[in-house]
Amino acid sequence: MATALRSLCSAPKREKPIFRNPARRVSLTTARALPKPLPEDQLRGTLQRLATVRDRLSFLLAAVHALGTHDQRGPLLHDLDLSRATLVVHRERRLDHTLYLDELTFHHATLWLAQRHRRWPTSTNPYLLVTAHTAVDDTDPQISTKAINKPLRRAGLQAGRLRMDRILDEAKHTGDPVHLIRLFGLSPHTAMQYLRAAHPGRHPRLPAAMNL
């Protein structure tokens, strides 16, 4: 209603029938939705239902390491270090975040590198995740968000929702925002948001020290 009032009054103000928009100070208050967990049965068996190694790796990066679609598109081949079982994620205007891969994700990352080299041995695309199109494209583009989410949508999932569910699950087992910040590379504000969702009433407001 507030948005409609401001819009309706802006037109007559522009045409001069009125000199002032009476709705200019009308404010709209919206409730911010807290993260919600996914049903357990929605996740069960998903890895086995995904057809390709790349899709399974993408699922694990989201469900285990909380990497959304944007974060999955960015890593380069050299950001994956199999000798140390790490993956570096570069984030604009923020510090790089290093993932320490679990055994299952490490296994699928190894399988994906082998399959990628076997299918496109001459590909110059520098990105870790590629498709049949981006692997042979001379412009070396990133994988699209659609290519990542389409296989997950068939299972009723999205990388963003998997990321949210993973962080929320971790938040349920800790009351320490610093732990979430270090594990997932979150901002202090986002970490507190998840803690409030996981422990209602325990974290009423952002601590002053976290605002520094």
N, C-alpha and C. Protein backbone atom coordinates (compact mmCIF):
# COMPACT_ATOMS: atom_id res chain seq x y z
N MET A 1 0.83 -1.20 0.00
CA MET A 1 0.00 0.00 0.00
C MET A 1 0.87 1.25 0.00
N ALA A 2 1.95 1.22 0.80
CA ALA A 2 2.84 2.38 0.86
C ALA A 2 3.48 2.65 -0.50
N THR A 3 3.90 1.58 -1.17
CA THR A 3 4.51 1.74 -2.49
C THR A 3 3.50 2.30 -3.49
N ALA A 4 2.27 1.80 -3.44
CA ALA A 4 1.23 2.27 -4.36
C ALA A 4 0.90 3.74 -4.12
N LEU A 5 0.83 4.15 -2.86
CA LEU A 5 0.52 5.55 -2.54
C LEU A 5 1.58 6.49 -3.07
N ARG A 6 2.83 6.14 -2.87
CA ARG A 6 3.92 6.99 -3.35
C ARG A 6 3.89 7.10 -4.87
N SER A 7 3.59 5.99 -5.53
CA SER A 7 3.54 5.98 -6.99
C SER A 7 2.37 6.82 -7.52
N LEU A 8 1.21 6.69 -6.89
CA LEU A 8 0.03 7.43 -7.34
C LEU A 8 0.21 8.93 -7.18
N CYS A 9 0.86 9.33 -6.10
CA CYS A 9 1.02 10.77 -5.84
C CYS A 9 2.16 11.40 -6.63
N SER A 10 3.09 10.58 -7.10
CA SER A 10 4.22 11.14 -7.84
C SER A 10 3.79 11.65 -9.22
N ALA A 11 2.80 10.99 -9.82
CA ALA A 11 2.34 11.42 -11.15
C ALA A 11 1.68 12.80 -11.12
N PRO A 12 0.69 13.06 -10.24
CA PRO A 12 0.11 14.41 -10.20
C PRO A 12 1.11 15.48 -9.77
N LYS A 13 2.11 15.11 -8.97
CA LYS A 13 3.13 16.09 -8.60
C LYS A 13 3.94 16.48 -9.84
N ARG A 14 4.23 15.50 -10.68
CA ARG A 14 4.99 15.77 -11.90
C ARG A 14 4.18 16.63 -12.88
N GLU A 15 2.84 16.44 -12.90
CA GLU A 15 1.97 17.20 -13.80
C GLU A 15 1.51 18.53 -13.19
N LYS A 16 1.90 18.84 -11.94
CA LYS A 16 1.64 20.11 -11.25
C LYS A 16 0.26 20.29 -10.62
N PRO A 17 -0.68 19.31 -10.68
CA PRO A 17 -1.92 19.53 -9.93
C PRO A 17 -1.67 19.65 -8.43
N ILE A 18 -0.64 18.99 -7.93
CA ILE A 18 -0.25 19.13 -6.52
C ILE A 18 1.21 19.54 -6.49
N PHE A 19 1.61 20.21 -5.41
CA PHE A 19 2.97 20.71 -5.30
C PHE A 19 3.86 19.83 -4.41
N ARG A 20 3.22 18.96 -3.67
CA ARG A 20 3.98 18.13 -2.74
C ARG A 20 3.36 16.73 -2.69
N ASN A 21 4.19 15.75 -2.65
CA ASN A 21 3.71 14.37 -2.56
C ASN A 21 3.35 14.07 -1.11
N PRO A 22 2.05 13.91 -0.77
CA PRO A 22 1.67 13.67 0.62
C PRO A 22 2.11 12.31 1.14
N ALA A 23 2.51 11.44 0.24
CA ALA A 23 2.93 10.10 0.67
C ALA A 23 4.44 9.96 0.73
N ARG A 24 5.16 11.09 0.62
CA ARG A 24 6.62 11.00 0.54
C ARG A 24 7.25 10.45 1.81
N ARG A 25 6.58 10.62 2.94
CA ARG A 25 7.15 10.14 4.20
C ARG A 25 6.51 8.85 4.68
N VAL A 26 5.67 8.26 3.85
CA VAL A 26 5.07 6.97 4.22
C VAL A 26 6.16 5.91 4.15
N SER A 27 6.34 5.21 5.22
CA SER A 27 7.39 4.18 5.27
C SER A 27 6.77 2.80 5.25
N LEU A 28 7.52 1.88 4.71
CA LEU A 28 7.06 0.50 4.60
C LEU A 28 7.96 -0.38 5.45
N THR A 29 7.37 -1.07 6.40
CA THR A 29 8.11 -1.98 7.28
C THR A 29 7.87 -3.41 6.83
N THR A 30 8.94 -4.12 6.59
CA THR A 30 8.82 -5.51 6.17
C THR A 30 9.55 -6.41 7.16
N ALA A 31 9.01 -7.59 7.35
CA ALA A 31 9.64 -8.56 8.24
C ALA A 31 10.68 -9.35 7.46
N ARG A 32 11.88 -9.44 7.98
CA ARG A 32 12.95 -10.19 7.31
C ARG A 32 12.83 -11.67 7.66
N ALA A 33 12.68 -12.49 6.64
CA ALA A 33 12.52 -13.92 6.86
C ALA A 33 13.83 -14.54 7.34
N LEU A 34 13.74 -15.36 8.38
CA LEU A 34 14.91 -16.05 8.88
C LEU A 34 15.13 -17.33 8.07
N PRO A 35 16.39 -17.78 7.97
CA PRO A 35 16.66 -19.03 7.23
C PRO A 35 15.91 -20.20 7.84
N LYS A 36 15.44 -21.10 6.97
CA LYS A 36 14.72 -22.29 7.43
C LYS A 36 15.40 -23.54 6.88
N PRO A 37 15.42 -24.61 7.68
CA PRO A 37 16.08 -25.85 7.21
C PRO A 37 15.26 -26.56 6.16
N LEU A 38 15.95 -27.35 5.33
CA LEU A 38 15.28 -28.19 4.36
C LEU A 38 14.79 -29.47 5.04
N PRO A 39 13.69 -30.04 4.58
CA PRO A 39 13.25 -31.34 5.12
C PRO A 39 14.31 -32.40 4.87
N GLU A 40 14.53 -33.26 5.86
CA GLU A 40 15.59 -34.27 5.73
C GLU A 40 15.35 -35.21 4.55
N ASP A 41 14.09 -35.56 4.31
CA ASP A 41 13.81 -36.50 3.23
C ASP A 41 14.07 -35.88 1.86
N GLN A 42 14.15 -34.57 1.80
CA GLN A 42 14.44 -33.91 0.52
C GLN A 42 15.90 -34.06 0.13
N LEU A 43 16.77 -34.23 1.12
CA LEU A 43 18.20 -34.37 0.85
C LEU A 43 18.63 -35.83 0.70
N ARG A 44 17.87 -36.73 1.31
CA ARG A 44 18.28 -38.13 1.34
C ARG A 44 18.35 -38.72 -0.07
N GLY A 45 19.48 -39.29 -0.42
CA GLY A 45 19.65 -39.97 -1.71
C GLY A 45 19.91 -39.05 -2.88
N THR A 46 20.07 -37.72 -2.63
CA THR A 46 20.26 -36.79 -3.74
C THR A 46 21.54 -37.07 -4.50
N LEU A 47 22.61 -37.36 -3.81
CA LEU A 47 23.90 -37.57 -4.47
C LEU A 47 23.81 -38.71 -5.48
N GLN A 48 23.10 -39.77 -5.13
CA GLN A 48 22.98 -40.92 -6.02
C GLN A 48 22.09 -40.62 -7.23
N ARG A 49 21.18 -39.65 -7.07
CA ARG A 49 20.26 -39.35 -8.17
C ARG A 49 20.87 -38.42 -9.21
N LEU A 50 21.94 -37.74 -8.88
CA LEU A 50 22.57 -36.82 -9.82
C LEU A 50 23.40 -37.61 -10.84
N ALA A 51 23.24 -37.26 -12.11
CA ALA A 51 23.76 -38.11 -13.19
C ALA A 51 25.26 -37.99 -13.43
N THR A 52 25.81 -36.79 -13.27
CA THR A 52 27.21 -36.59 -13.67
C THR A 52 28.11 -36.28 -12.47
N VAL A 53 29.40 -36.48 -12.68
CA VAL A 53 30.38 -36.20 -11.62
C VAL A 53 30.37 -34.71 -11.28
N ARG A 54 30.28 -33.86 -12.30
CA ARG A 54 30.27 -32.41 -12.05
C ARG A 54 29.07 -32.00 -11.22
N ASP A 55 27.90 -32.57 -11.51
CA ASP A 55 26.69 -32.25 -10.75
C ASP A 55 26.81 -32.71 -9.30
N ARG A 56 27.42 -33.87 -9.09
CA ARG A 56 27.59 -34.37 -7.72
C ARG A 56 28.60 -33.52 -6.95
N LEU A 57 29.66 -33.08 -7.65
CA LEU A 57 30.63 -32.20 -7.00
C LEU A 57 29.98 -30.88 -6.63
N SER A 58 29.18 -30.34 -7.52
CA SER A 58 28.49 -29.08 -7.26
C SER A 58 27.54 -29.22 -6.07
N PHE A 59 26.85 -30.34 -5.99
CA PHE A 59 25.96 -30.60 -4.86
C PHE A 59 26.74 -30.63 -3.55
N LEU A 60 27.88 -31.29 -3.54
CA LEU A 60 28.69 -31.39 -2.32
C LEU A 60 29.27 -30.03 -1.93
N LEU A 61 29.67 -29.24 -2.90
CA LEU A 61 30.20 -27.91 -2.59
C LEU A 61 29.13 -27.04 -1.92
N ALA A 62 27.87 -27.25 -2.31
CA ALA A 62 26.78 -26.48 -1.72
C ALA A 62 26.33 -27.07 -0.39
N ALA A 63 26.12 -28.40 -0.36
CA ALA A 63 25.52 -29.04 0.81
C ALA A 63 26.51 -29.25 1.95
N VAL A 64 27.79 -29.38 1.65
CA VAL A 64 28.80 -29.63 2.69
C VAL A 64 29.59 -28.36 3.01
N HIS A 65 29.93 -27.60 1.95
CA HIS A 65 30.81 -26.44 2.15
C HIS A 65 30.10 -25.11 1.97
N ALA A 66 28.80 -25.16 1.77
CA ALA A 66 27.96 -23.94 1.72
C ALA A 66 28.39 -22.96 0.64
N LEU A 67 28.73 -23.46 -0.53
CA LEU A 67 29.06 -22.59 -1.65
C LEU A 67 27.82 -22.39 -2.52
N GLY A 68 27.37 -21.16 -2.63
CA GLY A 68 26.25 -20.85 -3.49
C GLY A 68 26.67 -20.87 -4.95
N THR A 69 25.72 -20.57 -5.82
CA THR A 69 25.99 -20.62 -7.27
C THR A 69 27.13 -19.69 -7.67
N HIS A 70 27.10 -18.45 -7.16
CA HIS A 70 28.13 -17.48 -7.55
C HIS A 70 29.51 -17.95 -7.11
N ASP A 71 29.63 -18.47 -5.91
CA ASP A 71 30.93 -18.94 -5.41
C ASP A 71 31.44 -20.14 -6.19
N GLN A 72 30.55 -20.96 -6.72
CA GLN A 72 30.98 -22.13 -7.48
C GLN A 72 31.46 -21.77 -8.87
N ARG A 73 30.98 -20.67 -9.42
CA ARG A 73 31.37 -20.28 -10.77
C ARG A 73 32.79 -19.72 -10.83
N GLY A 74 33.26 -19.16 -9.73
CA GLY A 74 34.51 -18.40 -9.74
C GLY A 74 35.81 -19.17 -9.64
N PRO A 75 35.90 -20.27 -8.86
CA PRO A 75 37.21 -20.90 -8.66
C PRO A 75 37.87 -21.36 -9.96
N LEU A 76 39.17 -21.13 -10.02
CA LEU A 76 39.97 -21.56 -11.17
C LEU A 76 40.57 -22.94 -10.90
N LEU A 77 41.09 -23.54 -11.92
CA LEU A 77 41.69 -24.86 -11.76
C LEU A 77 42.80 -24.84 -10.73
N HIS A 78 43.63 -23.80 -10.75
CA HIS A 78 44.76 -23.76 -9.81
C HIS A 78 44.32 -23.41 -8.38
N ASP A 79 43.05 -23.04 -8.20
CA ASP A 79 42.55 -22.79 -6.84
C ASP A 79 42.30 -24.10 -6.09
N LEU A 80 42.19 -25.20 -6.84
CA LEU A 80 42.02 -26.52 -6.23
C LEU A 80 43.39 -27.16 -6.05
N ASP A 81 43.74 -27.42 -4.79
CA ASP A 81 45.04 -28.03 -4.47
C ASP A 81 44.78 -29.41 -3.87
N LEU A 82 44.92 -30.44 -4.69
CA LEU A 82 44.64 -31.80 -4.23
C LEU A 82 45.67 -32.29 -3.22
N SER A 83 46.90 -31.78 -3.30
CA SER A 83 47.92 -32.21 -2.35
C SER A 83 47.60 -31.77 -0.93
N ARG A 84 46.86 -30.65 -0.81
CA ARG A 84 46.47 -30.16 0.51
C ARG A 84 44.98 -30.31 0.78
N ALA A 85 44.25 -30.81 -0.21
CA ALA A 85 42.80 -30.98 -0.11
C ALA A 85 42.10 -29.66 0.22
N THR A 86 42.47 -28.62 -0.54
CA THR A 86 41.88 -27.30 -0.30
C THR A 86 41.36 -26.71 -1.60
N LEU A 87 40.41 -25.80 -1.46
CA LEU A 87 39.88 -25.04 -2.58
C LEU A 87 39.76 -23.59 -2.14
N VAL A 88 40.38 -22.67 -2.86
CA VAL A 88 40.32 -21.25 -2.53
C VAL A 88 39.18 -20.60 -3.31
N VAL A 89 38.34 -19.86 -2.59
CA VAL A 89 37.21 -19.16 -3.19
C VAL A 89 37.50 -17.66 -3.09
N HIS A 90 37.51 -16.99 -4.24
CA HIS A 90 37.76 -15.55 -4.28
C HIS A 90 36.44 -14.80 -4.25
N ARG A 91 36.33 -13.83 -3.35
CA ARG A 91 35.11 -13.06 -3.21
C ARG A 91 35.42 -11.58 -3.36
N GLU A 92 34.64 -10.90 -4.18
CA GLU A 92 34.87 -9.50 -4.47
C GLU A 92 34.75 -8.64 -3.22
N ARG A 93 35.74 -7.79 -2.99
CA ARG A 93 35.79 -6.86 -1.86
C ARG A 93 35.82 -7.58 -0.51
N ARG A 94 36.18 -8.84 -0.52
CA ARG A 94 36.30 -9.59 0.73
C ARG A 94 37.54 -10.47 0.65
N LEU A 95 37.98 -10.95 1.80
CA LEU A 95 39.13 -11.83 1.83
C LEU A 95 38.82 -13.15 1.15
N ASP A 96 39.84 -13.76 0.55
CA ASP A 96 39.67 -15.10 -0.01
C ASP A 96 39.31 -16.08 1.10
N HIS A 97 38.51 -17.07 0.73
CA HIS A 97 38.10 -18.08 1.70
C HIS A 97 38.62 -19.44 1.27
N THR A 98 39.27 -20.16 2.17
CA THR A 98 39.83 -21.47 1.86
C THR A 98 38.96 -22.58 2.43
N LEU A 99 38.54 -23.49 1.55
CA LEU A 99 37.78 -24.66 1.98
C LEU A 99 38.74 -25.83 2.21
N TYR A 100 38.52 -26.54 3.30
CA TYR A 100 39.27 -27.76 3.56
C TYR A 100 38.34 -28.94 3.24
N LEU A 101 38.63 -29.62 2.14
CA LEU A 101 37.71 -30.59 1.59
C LEU A 101 37.61 -31.85 2.44
N ASP A 102 36.39 -32.30 2.64
CA ASP A 102 36.17 -33.58 3.30
C ASP A 102 36.48 -34.71 2.31
N GLU A 103 36.48 -35.94 2.79
CA GLU A 103 36.89 -37.07 1.96
C GLU A 103 36.00 -37.26 0.74
N LEU A 104 34.67 -37.11 0.92
CA LEU A 104 33.74 -37.32 -0.19
C LEU A 104 33.89 -36.24 -1.26
N THR A 105 33.99 -34.99 -0.84
CA THR A 105 34.17 -33.90 -1.80
C THR A 105 35.51 -34.02 -2.51
N PHE A 106 36.55 -34.37 -1.76
CA PHE A 106 37.88 -34.57 -2.36
C PHE A 106 37.83 -35.66 -3.42
N HIS A 107 37.13 -36.74 -3.12
CA HIS A 107 37.02 -37.86 -4.07
C HIS A 107 36.35 -37.41 -5.36
N HIS A 108 35.25 -36.65 -5.24
CA HIS A 108 34.54 -36.20 -6.44
C HIS A 108 35.31 -35.12 -7.19
N ALA A 109 36.08 -34.32 -6.47
CA ALA A 109 36.92 -33.32 -7.14
C ALA A 109 37.99 -34.02 -7.98
N THR A 110 38.55 -35.10 -7.45
CA THR A 110 39.56 -35.87 -8.18
C THR A 110 38.95 -36.52 -9.42
N LEU A 111 37.75 -37.10 -9.24
CA LEU A 111 37.06 -37.72 -10.37
C LEU A 111 36.74 -36.69 -11.46
N TRP A 112 36.33 -35.48 -11.02
CA TRP A 112 35.97 -34.46 -11.99
C TRP A 112 37.18 -33.99 -12.79
N LEU A 113 38.31 -33.79 -12.14
CA LEU A 113 39.51 -33.36 -12.85
C LEU A 113 39.93 -34.40 -13.89
N ALA A 114 39.83 -35.68 -13.51
CA ALA A 114 40.20 -36.75 -14.44
C ALA A 114 39.24 -36.78 -15.63
N GLN A 115 37.94 -36.65 -15.35
CA GLN A 115 36.95 -36.67 -16.43
C GLN A 115 37.09 -35.46 -17.34
N ARG A 116 37.33 -34.31 -16.72
CA ARG A 116 37.48 -33.08 -17.51
C ARG A 116 38.67 -33.19 -18.46
N HIS A 117 39.78 -33.68 -17.97
CA HIS A 117 40.98 -33.82 -18.81
C HIS A 117 40.75 -34.85 -19.91
N ARG A 118 40.02 -35.90 -19.59
CA ARG A 118 39.77 -36.95 -20.58
C ARG A 118 38.85 -36.45 -21.70
N ARG A 119 37.83 -35.67 -21.36
CA ARG A 119 36.86 -35.21 -22.35
C ARG A 119 37.36 -34.00 -23.15
N TRP A 120 38.08 -33.09 -22.47
CA TRP A 120 38.53 -31.87 -23.14
C TRP A 120 40.02 -31.64 -22.85
N PRO A 121 40.87 -32.49 -23.36
CA PRO A 121 42.31 -32.40 -23.05
C PRO A 121 42.98 -31.11 -23.54
N THR A 122 42.41 -30.47 -24.55
CA THR A 122 43.02 -29.25 -25.08
C THR A 122 42.29 -27.99 -24.63
N SER A 123 41.35 -28.12 -23.71
CA SER A 123 40.59 -26.95 -23.26
C SER A 123 41.50 -25.95 -22.56
N THR A 124 41.30 -24.68 -22.88
CA THR A 124 42.08 -23.61 -22.22
C THR A 124 41.26 -22.87 -21.17
N ASN A 125 40.02 -23.31 -20.96
CA ASN A 125 39.16 -22.64 -19.98
C ASN A 125 39.79 -22.78 -18.58
N PRO A 126 40.04 -21.67 -17.90
CA PRO A 126 40.76 -21.74 -16.62
C PRO A 126 39.88 -22.10 -15.42
N TYR A 127 38.56 -22.12 -15.62
CA TYR A 127 37.67 -22.33 -14.48
C TYR A 127 37.55 -23.81 -14.13
N LEU A 128 37.34 -24.07 -12.84
CA LEU A 128 37.25 -25.45 -12.35
C LEU A 128 36.04 -26.16 -12.94
N LEU A 129 34.88 -25.53 -12.87
CA LEU A 129 33.66 -26.15 -13.40
C LEU A 129 33.40 -25.64 -14.81
N VAL A 130 33.21 -26.56 -15.73
CA VAL A 130 32.91 -26.22 -17.11
C VAL A 130 31.80 -27.12 -17.62
N THR A 131 31.20 -26.71 -18.75
CA THR A 131 30.22 -27.53 -19.45
C THR A 131 30.81 -27.93 -20.80
N ALA A 132 30.04 -28.70 -21.56
CA ALA A 132 30.50 -29.09 -22.90
C ALA A 132 30.67 -27.87 -23.80
N HIS A 133 29.94 -26.80 -23.50
CA HIS A 133 30.04 -25.58 -24.31
C HIS A 133 31.19 -24.69 -23.85
N THR A 134 31.27 -24.44 -22.53
CA THR A 134 32.29 -23.51 -22.04
C THR A 134 33.70 -24.11 -22.14
N ALA A 135 33.80 -25.43 -22.13
CA ALA A 135 35.13 -26.06 -22.20
C ALA A 135 35.81 -25.81 -23.54
N VAL A 136 35.01 -25.64 -24.60
CA VAL A 136 35.61 -25.47 -25.94
C VAL A 136 35.42 -24.05 -26.49
N ASP A 137 34.84 -23.17 -25.67
CA ASP A 137 34.64 -21.78 -26.09
C ASP A 137 35.95 -21.01 -25.96
N ASP A 138 36.38 -20.38 -27.06
CA ASP A 138 37.66 -19.66 -27.07
C ASP A 138 37.68 -18.46 -26.13
N THR A 139 36.50 -17.97 -25.73
CA THR A 139 36.46 -16.81 -24.82
C THR A 139 36.60 -17.22 -23.36
N ASP A 140 36.65 -18.53 -23.09
CA ASP A 140 36.84 -19.05 -21.73
C ASP A 140 35.83 -18.49 -20.73
N PRO A 141 34.53 -18.67 -20.97
CA PRO A 141 33.53 -18.12 -20.06
C PRO A 141 33.36 -18.97 -18.80
N GLN A 142 32.76 -18.36 -17.79
CA GLN A 142 32.38 -19.11 -16.59
C GLN A 142 31.17 -19.99 -16.90
N ILE A 143 30.99 -21.01 -16.10
CA ILE A 143 29.79 -21.82 -16.17
C ILE A 143 28.60 -20.96 -15.76
N SER A 144 27.45 -21.20 -16.34
CA SER A 144 26.27 -20.38 -16.02
C SER A 144 25.60 -20.88 -14.75
N THR A 145 24.84 -19.99 -14.13
CA THR A 145 24.08 -20.38 -12.93
C THR A 145 23.05 -21.46 -13.28
N LYS A 146 22.50 -21.37 -14.48
CA LYS A 146 21.51 -22.35 -14.92
C LYS A 146 22.11 -23.75 -14.99
N ALA A 147 23.35 -23.84 -15.49
CA ALA A 147 24.00 -25.14 -15.62
C ALA A 147 24.24 -25.78 -14.25
N ILE A 148 24.44 -24.96 -13.23
CA ILE A 148 24.65 -25.49 -11.88
C ILE A 148 23.32 -25.88 -11.24
N ASN A 149 22.32 -25.03 -11.40
CA ASN A 149 21.05 -25.24 -10.70
C ASN A 149 20.10 -26.21 -11.39
N LYS A 150 20.20 -26.33 -12.73
CA LYS A 150 19.23 -27.16 -13.44
C LYS A 150 19.22 -28.62 -12.96
N PRO A 151 20.37 -29.29 -12.80
CA PRO A 151 20.34 -30.67 -12.29
C PRO A 151 19.80 -30.74 -10.87
N LEU A 152 20.09 -29.72 -10.05
CA LEU A 152 19.61 -29.72 -8.68
C LEU A 152 18.11 -29.50 -8.62
N ARG A 153 17.59 -28.68 -9.54
CA ARG A 153 16.14 -28.42 -9.56
C ARG A 153 15.35 -29.68 -9.86
N ARG A 154 15.93 -30.57 -10.66
CA ARG A 154 15.25 -31.83 -10.93
C ARG A 154 15.03 -32.63 -9.66
N ALA A 155 15.91 -32.40 -8.68
CA ALA A 155 15.77 -33.06 -7.38
C ALA A 155 15.04 -32.18 -6.38
N GLY A 156 14.49 -31.04 -6.85
CA GLY A 156 13.75 -30.14 -5.98
C GLY A 156 14.64 -29.27 -5.11
N LEU A 157 15.88 -29.02 -5.55
CA LEU A 157 16.83 -28.28 -4.74
C LEU A 157 17.43 -27.12 -5.53
N GLN A 158 18.15 -26.24 -4.82
CA GLN A 158 18.92 -25.17 -5.42
C GLN A 158 20.20 -25.00 -4.61
N ALA A 159 21.26 -24.56 -5.26
CA ALA A 159 22.53 -24.39 -4.56
C ALA A 159 22.39 -23.39 -3.41
N GLY A 160 21.63 -22.32 -3.63
CA GLY A 160 21.44 -21.33 -2.57
C GLY A 160 20.72 -21.88 -1.36
N ARG A 161 19.70 -22.72 -1.58
CA ARG A 161 18.97 -23.32 -0.47
C ARG A 161 19.84 -24.34 0.26
N LEU A 162 20.65 -25.08 -0.49
CA LEU A 162 21.56 -26.04 0.14
C LEU A 162 22.59 -25.31 1.01
N ARG A 163 23.09 -24.19 0.51
CA ARG A 163 24.03 -23.38 1.27
C ARG A 163 23.40 -22.92 2.57
N MET A 164 22.20 -22.40 2.48
CA MET A 164 21.50 -21.90 3.66
C MET A 164 21.26 -23.01 4.68
N ASP A 165 20.86 -24.18 4.20
CA ASP A 165 20.60 -25.31 5.09
C ASP A 165 21.87 -25.76 5.80
N ARG A 166 22.98 -25.77 5.08
CA ARG A 166 24.25 -26.21 5.67
C ARG A 166 24.70 -25.26 6.79
N ILE A 167 24.62 -23.96 6.53
CA ILE A 167 25.05 -22.99 7.54
C ILE A 167 24.13 -23.05 8.75
N LEU A 168 22.83 -23.18 8.50
CA LEU A 168 21.87 -23.25 9.60
C LEU A 168 22.11 -24.48 10.46
N ASP A 169 22.43 -25.59 9.82
CA ASP A 169 22.71 -26.82 10.57
C ASP A 169 23.94 -26.65 11.45
N GLU A 170 24.97 -26.00 10.92
CA GLU A 170 26.18 -25.75 11.72
C GLU A 170 25.88 -24.79 12.87
N ALA A 171 25.03 -23.80 12.60
CA ALA A 171 24.67 -22.81 13.63
C ALA A 171 23.94 -23.46 14.80
N LYS A 172 23.21 -24.53 14.52
CA LYS A 172 22.48 -25.22 15.59
C LYS A 172 23.43 -25.89 16.58
N HIS A 173 24.65 -26.16 16.13
CA HIS A 173 25.62 -26.86 16.98
C HIS A 173 26.63 -25.92 17.62
N THR A 174 26.46 -24.63 17.42
CA THR A 174 27.40 -23.68 18.01
C THR A 174 26.69 -22.38 18.34
N GLY A 175 27.20 -21.67 19.30
CA GLY A 175 26.69 -20.33 19.60
C GLY A 175 27.74 -19.28 19.30
N ASP A 176 28.78 -19.69 18.60
CA ASP A 176 29.93 -18.82 18.34
C ASP A 176 29.88 -18.28 16.92
N PRO A 177 29.63 -16.99 16.73
CA PRO A 177 29.60 -16.43 15.37
C PRO A 177 30.96 -16.49 14.68
N VAL A 178 32.05 -16.44 15.46
CA VAL A 178 33.39 -16.48 14.87
C VAL A 178 33.62 -17.83 14.18
N HIS A 179 33.06 -18.89 14.76
CA HIS A 179 33.18 -20.21 14.14
C HIS A 179 32.54 -20.23 12.76
N LEU A 180 31.35 -19.66 12.65
CA LEU A 180 30.66 -19.61 11.36
C LEU A 180 31.41 -18.73 10.36
N ILE A 181 31.96 -17.63 10.85
CA ILE A 181 32.72 -16.72 9.99
C ILE A 181 33.93 -17.43 9.40
N ARG A 182 34.65 -18.16 10.24
CA ARG A 182 35.86 -18.84 9.78
C ARG A 182 35.53 -20.04 8.89
N LEU A 183 34.49 -20.79 9.23
CA LEU A 183 34.16 -22.00 8.49
C LEU A 183 33.60 -21.71 7.10
N PHE A 184 32.74 -20.68 7.03
CA PHE A 184 32.04 -20.42 5.77
C PHE A 184 32.42 -19.08 5.12
N GLY A 185 33.27 -18.30 5.77
CA GLY A 185 33.65 -17.02 5.21
C GLY A 185 32.51 -16.01 5.22
N LEU A 186 31.66 -16.05 6.26
CA LEU A 186 30.51 -15.16 6.35
C LEU A 186 30.92 -13.80 6.91
N SER A 187 30.08 -12.82 6.68
CA SER A 187 30.24 -11.54 7.36
C SER A 187 29.68 -11.68 8.77
N PRO A 188 30.09 -10.83 9.72
CA PRO A 188 29.55 -10.90 11.08
C PRO A 188 28.02 -10.79 11.11
N HIS A 189 27.47 -9.90 10.28
CA HIS A 189 26.02 -9.71 10.26
C HIS A 189 25.31 -11.00 9.83
N THR A 190 25.81 -11.64 8.78
CA THR A 190 25.19 -12.87 8.29
C THR A 190 25.32 -14.00 9.30
N ALA A 191 26.47 -14.10 9.95
CA ALA A 191 26.67 -15.13 10.96
C ALA A 191 25.66 -14.98 12.10
N MET A 192 25.42 -13.74 12.54
CA MET A 192 24.46 -13.51 13.61
C MET A 192 23.03 -13.81 13.14
N GLN A 193 22.75 -13.58 11.89
CA GLN A 193 21.43 -13.88 11.36
C GLN A 193 21.14 -15.37 11.49
N TYR A 194 22.12 -16.19 11.14
CA TYR A 194 21.93 -17.64 11.23
C TYR A 194 21.85 -18.10 12.68
N LEU A 195 22.61 -17.49 13.55
CA LEU A 195 22.55 -17.87 14.96
C LEU A 195 21.20 -17.51 15.56
N ARG A 196 20.63 -16.38 15.17
CA ARG A 196 19.30 -16.01 15.66
C ARG A 196 18.24 -17.01 15.18
N ALA A 197 18.40 -17.46 13.94
CA ALA A 197 17.45 -18.43 13.39
C ALA A 197 17.58 -19.78 14.08
N ALA A 198 18.83 -20.17 14.41
CA ALA A 198 19.07 -21.47 15.03
C ALA A 198 18.76 -21.47 16.53
N HIS A 199 18.95 -20.30 17.17
CA HIS A 199 18.73 -20.18 18.62
C HIS A 199 17.87 -18.96 18.91
N PRO A 200 16.57 -19.02 18.65
CA PRO A 200 15.70 -17.85 18.86
C PRO A 200 15.76 -17.36 20.30
N GLY A 201 15.97 -16.06 20.46
CA GLY A 201 15.99 -15.47 21.79
C GLY A 201 17.35 -15.44 22.45
N ARG A 202 18.27 -16.26 21.98
CA ARG A 202 19.59 -16.30 22.60
C ARG A 202 20.47 -15.15 22.12
N HIS A 203 20.25 -14.67 20.89
CA HIS A 203 21.05 -13.60 20.32
C HIS A 203 20.14 -12.45 19.91
N PRO A 204 19.70 -11.63 20.86
CA PRO A 204 18.74 -10.57 20.56
C PRO A 204 19.28 -9.47 19.67
N ARG A 205 20.58 -9.18 19.75
CA ARG A 205 21.12 -8.11 18.91
C ARG A 205 22.60 -8.38 18.65
N LEU A 206 23.11 -7.68 17.65
CA LEU A 206 24.52 -7.85 17.27
C LEU A 206 25.42 -7.24 18.34
N PRO A 207 26.38 -8.00 18.89
CA PRO A 207 27.29 -7.44 19.89
C PRO A 207 28.06 -6.26 19.34
N ALA A 208 28.34 -5.28 20.21
CA ALA A 208 29.03 -4.06 19.77
C ALA A 208 30.37 -4.37 19.13
N ALA A 209 31.08 -5.37 19.68
CA ALA A 209 32.41 -5.71 19.15
C ALA A 209 32.35 -6.20 17.73
N MET A 210 31.20 -6.78 17.32
CA MET A 210 31.08 -7.32 16.00
C MET A 210 30.88 -6.22 14.95
N ASN A 211 30.55 -5.01 15.40
CA ASN A 211 30.32 -3.91 14.47
C ASN A 211 31.62 -3.22 14.05
N LEU A 212 32.71 -3.56 14.68
CA LEU A 212 33.98 -2.89 14.39
C LEU A 212 34.48 -3.28 13.01
